[in-house]
Amino acid sequence: MAGVKGKSGRKPRNDGKKMRAVNLYIPMKETYGWDENGKIDWIPETWFLQFKRIFGSRWQEQVRKLIMQRTKEYEERNMWECNCTNRLLKWHTSREADCSRCGYEPYDKERFRSKQQARIHAKDKPVDRKPLTLCPTCKNPLTLEMDLHGRKMMRCMKC
């Protein structure tokens, strides 16, 4: 092996930029999903090689852009934002009712992203009423019967 021992690794940057050591390592085969039989479906190696061939030395930059774009879309669609300044601590899932750091509590629409979800998870849920057992007009007990279509219904024998 050529080179001086200990000097063959990553070289320091001379352009003045300081970067954390955030590496992007993508193995040649990565799980893509599950097929109908419950087996792991592998991304063919040729897709990865073709991607590298198309984008050349910029392939990692392209992957990082895709990661950033998909993460941003997911955050805007499924998460809510608080007043914190740190990007990782700023976005919360709908399971979190408030931010423990800045104390921000979102509105239900902001937290659940739709009126229907906000209604489902509402704090003041309506109290379930007991099913009718007595007729509201004559106060006699109701009996369970089946109609012509096979639906169950409660019916008063006198009214």
N, C-alpha and C. Protein backbone atom coordinates (compact mmCIF):
# COMPACT_ATOMS: atom_id res chain seq x y z
N MET A 1 0.83 -1.19 0.00
CA MET A 1 0.00 0.00 0.00
C MET A 1 0.88 1.25 0.00
N ALA A 2 0.56 2.18 -0.85
CA ALA A 2 1.38 3.38 -0.98
C ALA A 2 0.92 4.45 -0.01
N GLY A 3 1.79 5.39 0.27
CA GLY A 3 1.44 6.52 1.12
C GLY A 3 2.00 6.40 2.51
N VAL A 4 1.95 7.50 3.23
CA VAL A 4 2.45 7.56 4.59
C VAL A 4 1.37 7.05 5.53
N LYS A 5 1.76 6.25 6.52
CA LYS A 5 0.79 5.69 7.46
C LYS A 5 0.08 6.82 8.22
N GLY A 6 -1.24 6.74 8.24
CA GLY A 6 -2.04 7.74 8.95
C GLY A 6 -2.39 8.96 8.13
N LYS A 7 -1.88 9.08 6.91
CA LYS A 7 -2.12 10.26 6.08
C LYS A 7 -2.99 9.96 4.87
N SER A 8 -3.53 8.74 4.79
CA SER A 8 -4.27 8.37 3.58
C SER A 8 -5.78 8.61 3.70
N GLY A 9 -6.22 9.22 4.77
CA GLY A 9 -7.66 9.43 4.97
C GLY A 9 -8.14 10.72 4.33
N ARG A 10 -9.24 11.24 4.84
CA ARG A 10 -9.84 12.46 4.31
C ARG A 10 -8.92 13.65 4.61
N LYS A 11 -8.70 14.45 3.60
CA LYS A 11 -7.80 15.59 3.73
C LYS A 11 -8.57 16.79 4.29
N PRO A 12 -7.87 17.70 5.02
CA PRO A 12 -8.54 18.88 5.55
C PRO A 12 -8.92 19.84 4.43
N ARG A 13 -9.98 20.63 4.67
CA ARG A 13 -10.45 21.59 3.67
C ARG A 13 -9.58 22.84 3.74
N ASN A 14 -9.28 23.40 2.59
CA ASN A 14 -8.48 24.62 2.53
C ASN A 14 -9.31 25.83 2.13
N ASP A 15 -10.62 25.65 1.86
CA ASP A 15 -11.43 26.76 1.37
C ASP A 15 -12.09 27.56 2.49
N GLY A 16 -11.84 27.24 3.75
CA GLY A 16 -12.37 28.00 4.86
C GLY A 16 -13.71 27.52 5.38
N LYS A 17 -14.39 26.63 4.65
CA LYS A 17 -15.68 26.11 5.12
C LYS A 17 -15.44 25.07 6.20
N LYS A 18 -16.28 25.13 7.23
CA LYS A 18 -16.22 24.11 8.27
C LYS A 18 -17.44 23.24 8.15
N MET A 19 -17.24 21.96 7.96
CA MET A 19 -18.34 21.01 7.79
C MET A 19 -18.23 19.94 8.87
N ARG A 20 -19.39 19.54 9.36
CA ARG A 20 -19.39 18.37 10.24
C ARG A 20 -19.18 17.14 9.38
N ALA A 21 -18.72 16.09 9.98
CA ALA A 21 -18.48 14.85 9.24
C ALA A 21 -19.80 14.12 9.05
N VAL A 22 -20.60 14.60 8.11
CA VAL A 22 -21.88 13.96 7.79
C VAL A 22 -21.68 13.20 6.50
N ASN A 23 -21.55 11.91 6.61
CA ASN A 23 -21.30 11.09 5.43
C ASN A 23 -22.59 10.49 4.93
N LEU A 24 -22.64 10.30 3.66
CA LEU A 24 -23.78 9.63 3.05
C LEU A 24 -23.25 8.34 2.45
N TYR A 25 -23.59 7.24 3.06
CA TYR A 25 -23.14 5.95 2.56
C TYR A 25 -24.36 5.16 2.13
N ILE A 26 -24.41 4.80 0.87
CA ILE A 26 -25.51 4.01 0.35
C ILE A 26 -24.94 2.70 -0.16
N PRO A 27 -25.27 1.60 0.48
CA PRO A 27 -24.78 0.32 -0.03
C PRO A 27 -25.36 0.03 -1.41
N MET A 28 -24.74 -0.85 -2.12
CA MET A 28 -25.18 -1.17 -3.48
C MET A 28 -26.56 -1.80 -3.48
N LYS A 29 -26.93 -2.51 -2.42
CA LYS A 29 -28.27 -3.08 -2.32
C LYS A 29 -28.93 -2.53 -1.08
N GLU A 30 -30.13 -2.05 -1.23
CA GLU A 30 -30.86 -1.45 -0.12
C GLU A 30 -32.29 -1.95 -0.19
N THR A 31 -32.93 -2.16 0.95
CA THR A 31 -34.31 -2.64 0.92
C THR A 31 -35.21 -1.58 0.33
N TYR A 32 -36.10 -1.99 -0.52
CA TYR A 32 -37.01 -1.07 -1.20
C TYR A 32 -38.41 -1.20 -0.64
N GLY A 33 -38.82 -2.39 -0.26
CA GLY A 33 -40.17 -2.61 0.25
C GLY A 33 -40.45 -4.09 0.37
N TRP A 34 -41.69 -4.42 0.55
CA TRP A 34 -42.10 -5.81 0.69
C TRP A 34 -42.98 -6.18 -0.49
N ASP A 35 -42.80 -7.38 -1.01
CA ASP A 35 -43.67 -7.81 -2.09
C ASP A 35 -44.89 -8.54 -1.52
N GLU A 36 -45.72 -9.09 -2.36
CA GLU A 36 -46.98 -9.71 -1.93
C GLU A 36 -46.74 -10.93 -1.04
N ASN A 37 -45.63 -11.62 -1.23
CA ASN A 37 -45.35 -12.84 -0.46
C ASN A 37 -44.68 -12.55 0.87
N GLY A 38 -44.43 -11.30 1.18
CA GLY A 38 -43.80 -10.95 2.46
C GLY A 38 -42.29 -11.03 2.42
N LYS A 39 -41.70 -11.14 1.23
CA LYS A 39 -40.24 -11.19 1.11
C LYS A 39 -39.72 -9.78 0.82
N ILE A 40 -38.47 -9.56 1.19
CA ILE A 40 -37.85 -8.26 0.95
C ILE A 40 -37.59 -8.11 -0.54
N ASP A 41 -37.96 -6.95 -1.08
CA ASP A 41 -37.71 -6.64 -2.48
C ASP A 41 -36.48 -5.74 -2.54
N TRP A 42 -35.45 -6.16 -3.24
CA TRP A 42 -34.19 -5.43 -3.30
C TRP A 42 -34.18 -4.50 -4.49
N ILE A 43 -33.57 -3.31 -4.31
CA ILE A 43 -33.35 -2.42 -5.44
C ILE A 43 -32.26 -3.06 -6.29
N PRO A 44 -32.49 -3.25 -7.56
CA PRO A 44 -31.43 -3.81 -8.39
C PRO A 44 -30.21 -2.90 -8.42
N GLU A 45 -29.05 -3.47 -8.43
CA GLU A 45 -27.81 -2.72 -8.42
C GLU A 45 -27.69 -1.81 -9.64
N THR A 46 -28.33 -2.19 -10.72
CA THR A 46 -28.23 -1.42 -11.95
C THR A 46 -28.87 -0.04 -11.81
N TRP A 47 -29.93 0.10 -11.00
CA TRP A 47 -30.56 1.41 -10.79
C TRP A 47 -29.56 2.36 -10.13
N PHE A 48 -28.89 1.87 -9.12
CA PHE A 48 -27.92 2.69 -8.40
C PHE A 48 -26.76 3.07 -9.32
N LEU A 49 -26.26 2.12 -10.08
CA LEU A 49 -25.15 2.39 -10.99
C LEU A 49 -25.57 3.39 -12.09
N GLN A 50 -26.79 3.26 -12.59
CA GLN A 50 -27.28 4.18 -13.62
C GLN A 50 -27.42 5.59 -13.05
N PHE A 51 -27.91 5.71 -11.81
CA PHE A 51 -28.04 7.01 -11.15
C PHE A 51 -26.66 7.67 -11.04
N LYS A 52 -25.65 6.91 -10.61
CA LYS A 52 -24.30 7.44 -10.50
C LYS A 52 -23.75 7.81 -11.87
N ARG A 53 -24.10 7.05 -12.89
CA ARG A 53 -23.62 7.31 -14.24
C ARG A 53 -24.23 8.61 -14.80
N ILE A 54 -25.52 8.83 -14.51
CA ILE A 54 -26.20 10.03 -15.00
C ILE A 54 -25.65 11.28 -14.32
N PHE A 55 -25.55 11.26 -12.99
CA PHE A 55 -25.18 12.46 -12.24
C PHE A 55 -23.69 12.58 -11.96
N GLY A 56 -22.91 11.55 -12.27
CA GLY A 56 -21.46 11.62 -12.14
C GLY A 56 -21.02 11.87 -10.71
N SER A 57 -20.11 12.82 -10.56
CA SER A 57 -19.56 13.10 -9.23
C SER A 57 -20.54 13.86 -8.35
N ARG A 58 -21.67 14.33 -8.92
CA ARG A 58 -22.68 15.07 -8.15
C ARG A 58 -23.79 14.17 -7.64
N TRP A 59 -23.64 12.86 -7.67
CA TRP A 59 -24.74 11.97 -7.30
C TRP A 59 -25.12 12.14 -5.83
N GLN A 60 -24.13 12.36 -4.93
CA GLN A 60 -24.46 12.52 -3.52
C GLN A 60 -25.20 13.84 -3.29
N GLU A 61 -24.85 14.86 -4.04
CA GLU A 61 -25.55 16.14 -3.95
C GLU A 61 -27.01 15.98 -4.35
N GLN A 62 -27.26 15.21 -5.39
CA GLN A 62 -28.62 14.97 -5.85
C GLN A 62 -29.42 14.19 -4.80
N VAL A 63 -28.79 13.19 -4.19
CA VAL A 63 -29.47 12.40 -3.15
C VAL A 63 -29.79 13.27 -1.96
N ARG A 64 -28.87 14.14 -1.57
CA ARG A 64 -29.12 15.05 -0.45
C ARG A 64 -30.27 16.00 -0.75
N LYS A 65 -30.35 16.49 -2.00
CA LYS A 65 -31.47 17.36 -2.38
C LYS A 65 -32.80 16.62 -2.29
N LEU A 66 -32.82 15.37 -2.75
CA LEU A 66 -34.04 14.57 -2.66
C LEU A 66 -34.44 14.34 -1.21
N ILE A 67 -33.47 14.06 -0.37
CA ILE A 67 -33.75 13.84 1.06
C ILE A 67 -34.33 15.11 1.67
N MET A 68 -33.74 16.26 1.36
CA MET A 68 -34.21 17.54 1.90
C MET A 68 -35.62 17.84 1.42
N GLN A 69 -35.87 17.63 0.13
CA GLN A 69 -37.18 17.93 -0.44
C GLN A 69 -38.27 17.04 0.16
N ARG A 70 -38.01 15.73 0.25
CA ARG A 70 -39.00 14.80 0.80
C ARG A 70 -39.25 15.08 2.28
N THR A 71 -38.21 15.40 3.03
CA THR A 71 -38.36 15.71 4.46
C THR A 71 -39.19 16.97 4.65
N LYS A 72 -38.93 17.99 3.84
CA LYS A 72 -39.68 19.25 3.92
C LYS A 72 -41.16 19.02 3.61
N GLU A 73 -41.45 18.23 2.57
CA GLU A 73 -42.83 17.93 2.22
C GLU A 73 -43.53 17.18 3.34
N TYR A 74 -42.84 16.20 3.95
CA TYR A 74 -43.44 15.42 5.04
C TYR A 74 -43.73 16.32 6.24
N GLU A 75 -42.78 17.21 6.58
CA GLU A 75 -42.99 18.11 7.71
C GLU A 75 -44.21 19.00 7.49
N GLU A 76 -44.33 19.57 6.31
CA GLU A 76 -45.45 20.48 6.04
C GLU A 76 -46.78 19.74 6.01
N ARG A 77 -46.77 18.46 5.62
CA ARG A 77 -48.01 17.70 5.50
C ARG A 77 -48.43 17.05 6.82
N ASN A 78 -47.48 16.58 7.64
CA ASN A 78 -47.83 15.74 8.79
C ASN A 78 -47.42 16.29 10.15
N MET A 79 -46.61 17.33 10.20
CA MET A 79 -46.10 17.79 11.49
C MET A 79 -46.50 19.24 11.73
N TRP A 80 -46.36 19.69 12.97
CA TRP A 80 -46.62 21.09 13.30
C TRP A 80 -45.35 21.74 13.81
N GLU A 81 -45.28 23.07 13.63
CA GLU A 81 -44.07 23.83 13.87
C GLU A 81 -44.23 24.70 15.11
N CYS A 82 -43.20 24.74 15.97
CA CYS A 82 -43.25 25.60 17.16
C CYS A 82 -42.32 26.79 16.97
N ASN A 83 -42.04 27.54 18.04
CA ASN A 83 -41.23 28.75 17.96
C ASN A 83 -39.75 28.52 18.24
N CYS A 84 -39.32 27.28 18.42
CA CYS A 84 -37.90 26.98 18.68
C CYS A 84 -37.05 27.34 17.46
N THR A 85 -35.77 27.58 17.69
CA THR A 85 -34.88 27.96 16.59
C THR A 85 -34.17 26.75 15.99
N ASN A 86 -33.95 25.71 16.75
CA ASN A 86 -33.28 24.51 16.23
C ASN A 86 -34.22 23.76 15.30
N ARG A 87 -33.74 23.47 14.10
CA ARG A 87 -34.60 22.84 13.08
C ARG A 87 -35.09 21.46 13.50
N LEU A 88 -34.26 20.66 14.14
CA LEU A 88 -34.67 19.31 14.55
C LEU A 88 -35.69 19.34 15.69
N LEU A 89 -35.57 20.33 16.56
CA LEU A 89 -36.48 20.42 17.71
C LEU A 89 -37.74 21.23 17.39
N LYS A 90 -37.76 21.87 16.22
CA LYS A 90 -38.86 22.77 15.86
C LYS A 90 -40.11 22.04 15.38
N TRP A 91 -39.95 20.88 14.76
CA TRP A 91 -41.08 20.16 14.18
C TRP A 91 -41.51 19.03 15.11
N HIS A 92 -42.85 18.92 15.31
CA HIS A 92 -43.40 17.93 16.23
C HIS A 92 -44.46 17.09 15.53
N THR A 93 -44.63 15.86 16.00
CA THR A 93 -45.69 15.00 15.46
C THR A 93 -47.01 15.36 16.12
N SER A 94 -48.10 14.87 15.57
CA SER A 94 -49.42 15.20 16.13
C SER A 94 -49.64 14.55 17.49
N ARG A 95 -48.82 13.57 17.86
CA ARG A 95 -48.95 12.95 19.19
C ARG A 95 -48.54 13.91 20.30
N GLU A 96 -47.69 14.89 19.97
CA GLU A 96 -47.23 15.86 20.97
C GLU A 96 -48.23 17.02 21.04
N ALA A 97 -48.77 17.26 22.23
CA ALA A 97 -49.79 18.30 22.39
C ALA A 97 -49.19 19.69 22.47
N ASP A 98 -47.96 19.80 22.98
CA ASP A 98 -47.30 21.10 23.06
C ASP A 98 -45.80 20.90 23.07
N CYS A 99 -45.07 21.98 22.88
CA CYS A 99 -43.60 21.92 22.86
C CYS A 99 -43.11 22.06 24.29
N SER A 100 -42.30 21.12 24.74
CA SER A 100 -41.82 21.14 26.12
C SER A 100 -40.72 22.19 26.32
N ARG A 101 -40.09 22.66 25.23
CA ARG A 101 -39.01 23.63 25.35
C ARG A 101 -39.52 25.07 25.35
N CYS A 102 -40.33 25.43 24.36
CA CYS A 102 -40.80 26.83 24.28
C CYS A 102 -42.21 27.01 24.81
N GLY A 103 -42.95 25.91 25.07
CA GLY A 103 -44.28 26.00 25.65
C GLY A 103 -45.38 26.31 24.64
N TYR A 104 -45.07 26.32 23.36
CA TYR A 104 -46.07 26.63 22.33
C TYR A 104 -47.09 25.50 22.23
N GLU A 105 -48.37 25.86 22.22
CA GLU A 105 -49.44 24.88 22.08
C GLU A 105 -50.22 25.19 20.81
N PRO A 106 -50.19 24.31 19.82
CA PRO A 106 -50.84 24.61 18.54
C PRO A 106 -52.35 24.47 18.62
N TYR A 107 -53.03 25.11 17.67
CA TYR A 107 -54.47 24.89 17.52
C TYR A 107 -54.68 23.47 17.00
N ASP A 108 -55.89 22.93 17.22
CA ASP A 108 -56.16 21.56 16.77
C ASP A 108 -56.01 21.42 15.26
N LYS A 109 -56.43 22.42 14.50
CA LYS A 109 -56.32 22.36 13.03
C LYS A 109 -54.86 22.34 12.60
N GLU A 110 -54.04 23.11 13.29
CA GLU A 110 -52.61 23.15 12.98
C GLU A 110 -51.93 21.84 13.38
N ARG A 111 -52.38 21.26 14.47
CA ARG A 111 -51.75 20.04 14.98
C ARG A 111 -52.13 18.81 14.16
N PHE A 112 -53.40 18.68 13.79
CA PHE A 112 -53.86 17.47 13.10
C PHE A 112 -53.99 17.64 11.59
N ARG A 113 -53.82 18.87 11.06
CA ARG A 113 -53.77 19.15 9.63
C ARG A 113 -55.07 19.01 8.86
N SER A 114 -56.15 18.58 9.50
CA SER A 114 -57.44 18.54 8.81
C SER A 114 -58.55 18.67 9.84
N LYS A 115 -59.70 19.20 9.41
CA LYS A 115 -60.82 19.36 10.33
C LYS A 115 -61.32 18.03 10.84
N GLN A 116 -61.33 17.03 9.96
CA GLN A 116 -61.82 15.71 10.35
C GLN A 116 -60.94 15.09 11.44
N GLN A 117 -59.61 15.14 11.26
CA GLN A 117 -58.72 14.60 12.27
C GLN A 117 -58.82 15.38 13.58
N ALA A 118 -58.97 16.69 13.48
CA ALA A 118 -59.12 17.50 14.69
C ALA A 118 -60.40 17.14 15.43
N ARG A 119 -61.47 16.87 14.68
CA ARG A 119 -62.75 16.48 15.29
C ARG A 119 -62.62 15.11 15.95
N ILE A 120 -61.91 14.19 15.32
CA ILE A 120 -61.73 12.84 15.89
C ILE A 120 -60.96 12.91 17.19
N HIS A 121 -59.92 13.74 17.24
CA HIS A 121 -59.06 13.82 18.42
C HIS A 121 -59.45 14.94 19.37
N ALA A 122 -60.65 15.48 19.24
CA ALA A 122 -61.07 16.60 20.08
C ALA A 122 -61.06 16.22 21.55
N LYS A 123 -60.71 17.21 22.37
CA LYS A 123 -60.65 16.97 23.82
C LYS A 123 -62.04 16.83 24.42
N ASP A 124 -62.99 17.61 23.91
CA ASP A 124 -64.36 17.58 24.43
C ASP A 124 -65.21 16.70 23.51
N LYS A 125 -65.12 15.41 23.70
CA LYS A 125 -65.91 14.49 22.88
C LYS A 125 -67.33 14.43 23.41
N PRO A 126 -68.32 14.29 22.53
CA PRO A 126 -69.70 14.22 23.00
C PRO A 126 -69.92 12.94 23.84
N VAL A 127 -70.75 13.08 24.86
CA VAL A 127 -71.05 11.95 25.73
C VAL A 127 -72.01 11.01 25.00
N ASP A 128 -71.68 9.73 25.00
CA ASP A 128 -72.55 8.76 24.35
C ASP A 128 -73.84 8.62 25.15
N ARG A 129 -74.96 8.67 24.43
CA ARG A 129 -76.25 8.49 25.08
C ARG A 129 -76.57 7.02 25.15
N LYS A 130 -77.34 6.65 26.15
CA LYS A 130 -77.77 5.25 26.28
C LYS A 130 -78.79 4.94 25.20
N PRO A 131 -78.79 3.73 24.68
CA PRO A 131 -79.80 3.39 23.67
C PRO A 131 -81.20 3.40 24.28
N LEU A 132 -82.17 3.72 23.45
CA LEU A 132 -83.55 3.77 23.93
C LEU A 132 -84.03 2.36 24.28
N THR A 133 -84.60 2.23 25.47
CA THR A 133 -85.20 0.95 25.88
C THR A 133 -86.69 1.11 26.12
N LEU A 134 -87.12 2.37 26.33
CA LEU A 134 -88.54 2.66 26.54
C LEU A 134 -89.03 3.57 25.43
N CYS A 135 -90.28 3.40 25.07
CA CYS A 135 -90.90 4.23 24.04
C CYS A 135 -91.04 5.65 24.57
N PRO A 136 -90.63 6.67 23.82
CA PRO A 136 -90.72 8.04 24.31
C PRO A 136 -92.15 8.54 24.49
N THR A 137 -93.12 7.96 23.77
CA THR A 137 -94.50 8.45 23.88
C THR A 137 -95.29 7.72 24.95
N CYS A 138 -95.30 6.37 24.94
CA CYS A 138 -96.14 5.63 25.89
C CYS A 138 -95.36 4.98 27.03
N LYS A 139 -94.04 5.08 27.03
CA LYS A 139 -93.15 4.55 28.09
C LYS A 139 -93.20 3.03 28.24
N ASN A 140 -93.63 2.30 27.23
CA ASN A 140 -93.59 0.84 27.24
C ASN A 140 -92.23 0.36 26.71
N PRO A 141 -91.81 -0.86 27.11
CA PRO A 141 -90.51 -1.35 26.62
C PRO A 141 -90.53 -1.60 25.11
N LEU A 142 -89.39 -1.30 24.48
CA LEU A 142 -89.23 -1.52 23.05
C LEU A 142 -88.74 -2.95 22.81
N THR A 143 -89.13 -3.52 21.68
CA THR A 143 -88.68 -4.87 21.32
C THR A 143 -87.82 -4.78 20.06
N LEU A 144 -86.85 -5.67 19.96
CA LEU A 144 -85.94 -5.71 18.82
C LEU A 144 -86.57 -6.53 17.70
N GLU A 145 -86.67 -5.94 16.52
CA GLU A 145 -87.24 -6.64 15.37
C GLU A 145 -86.34 -6.44 14.16
N MET A 146 -86.53 -7.30 13.15
CA MET A 146 -85.80 -7.17 11.89
C MET A 146 -86.79 -6.66 10.84
N ASP A 147 -86.34 -5.69 10.03
CA ASP A 147 -87.21 -5.21 8.96
C ASP A 147 -87.03 -6.07 7.70
N LEU A 148 -87.64 -5.69 6.59
CA LEU A 148 -87.58 -6.47 5.36
C LEU A 148 -86.17 -6.57 4.78
N HIS A 149 -85.34 -5.60 5.06
CA HIS A 149 -83.98 -5.58 4.51
C HIS A 149 -82.97 -6.22 5.44
N GLY A 150 -83.39 -6.77 6.55
CA GLY A 150 -82.49 -7.44 7.48
C GLY A 150 -81.84 -6.52 8.49
N ARG A 151 -82.29 -5.27 8.59
CA ARG A 151 -81.73 -4.33 9.56
C ARG A 151 -82.46 -4.48 10.89
N LYS A 152 -81.70 -4.34 11.98
CA LYS A 152 -82.29 -4.42 13.31
C LYS A 152 -82.88 -3.07 13.67
N MET A 153 -84.05 -3.11 14.33
CA MET A 153 -84.68 -1.87 14.78
C MET A 153 -85.48 -2.13 16.04
N MET A 154 -85.54 -1.10 16.89
CA MET A 154 -86.33 -1.19 18.11
C MET A 154 -87.73 -0.64 17.81
N ARG A 155 -88.74 -1.36 18.28
CA ARG A 155 -90.12 -0.98 17.93
C ARG A 155 -91.03 -1.14 19.15
N CYS A 156 -91.96 -0.19 19.29
CA CYS A 156 -92.95 -0.27 20.35
C CYS A 156 -94.15 -1.08 19.84
N MET A 157 -94.66 -2.02 20.64
CA MET A 157 -95.76 -2.87 20.20
C MET A 157 -97.09 -2.14 20.25
N LYS A 158 -97.22 -1.10 21.10
CA LYS A 158 -98.49 -0.40 21.22
C LYS A 158 -98.59 0.76 20.23
N CYS A 159 -97.53 1.46 20.01
CA CYS A 159 -97.58 2.64 19.13
C CYS A 159 -97.43 2.14 17.70
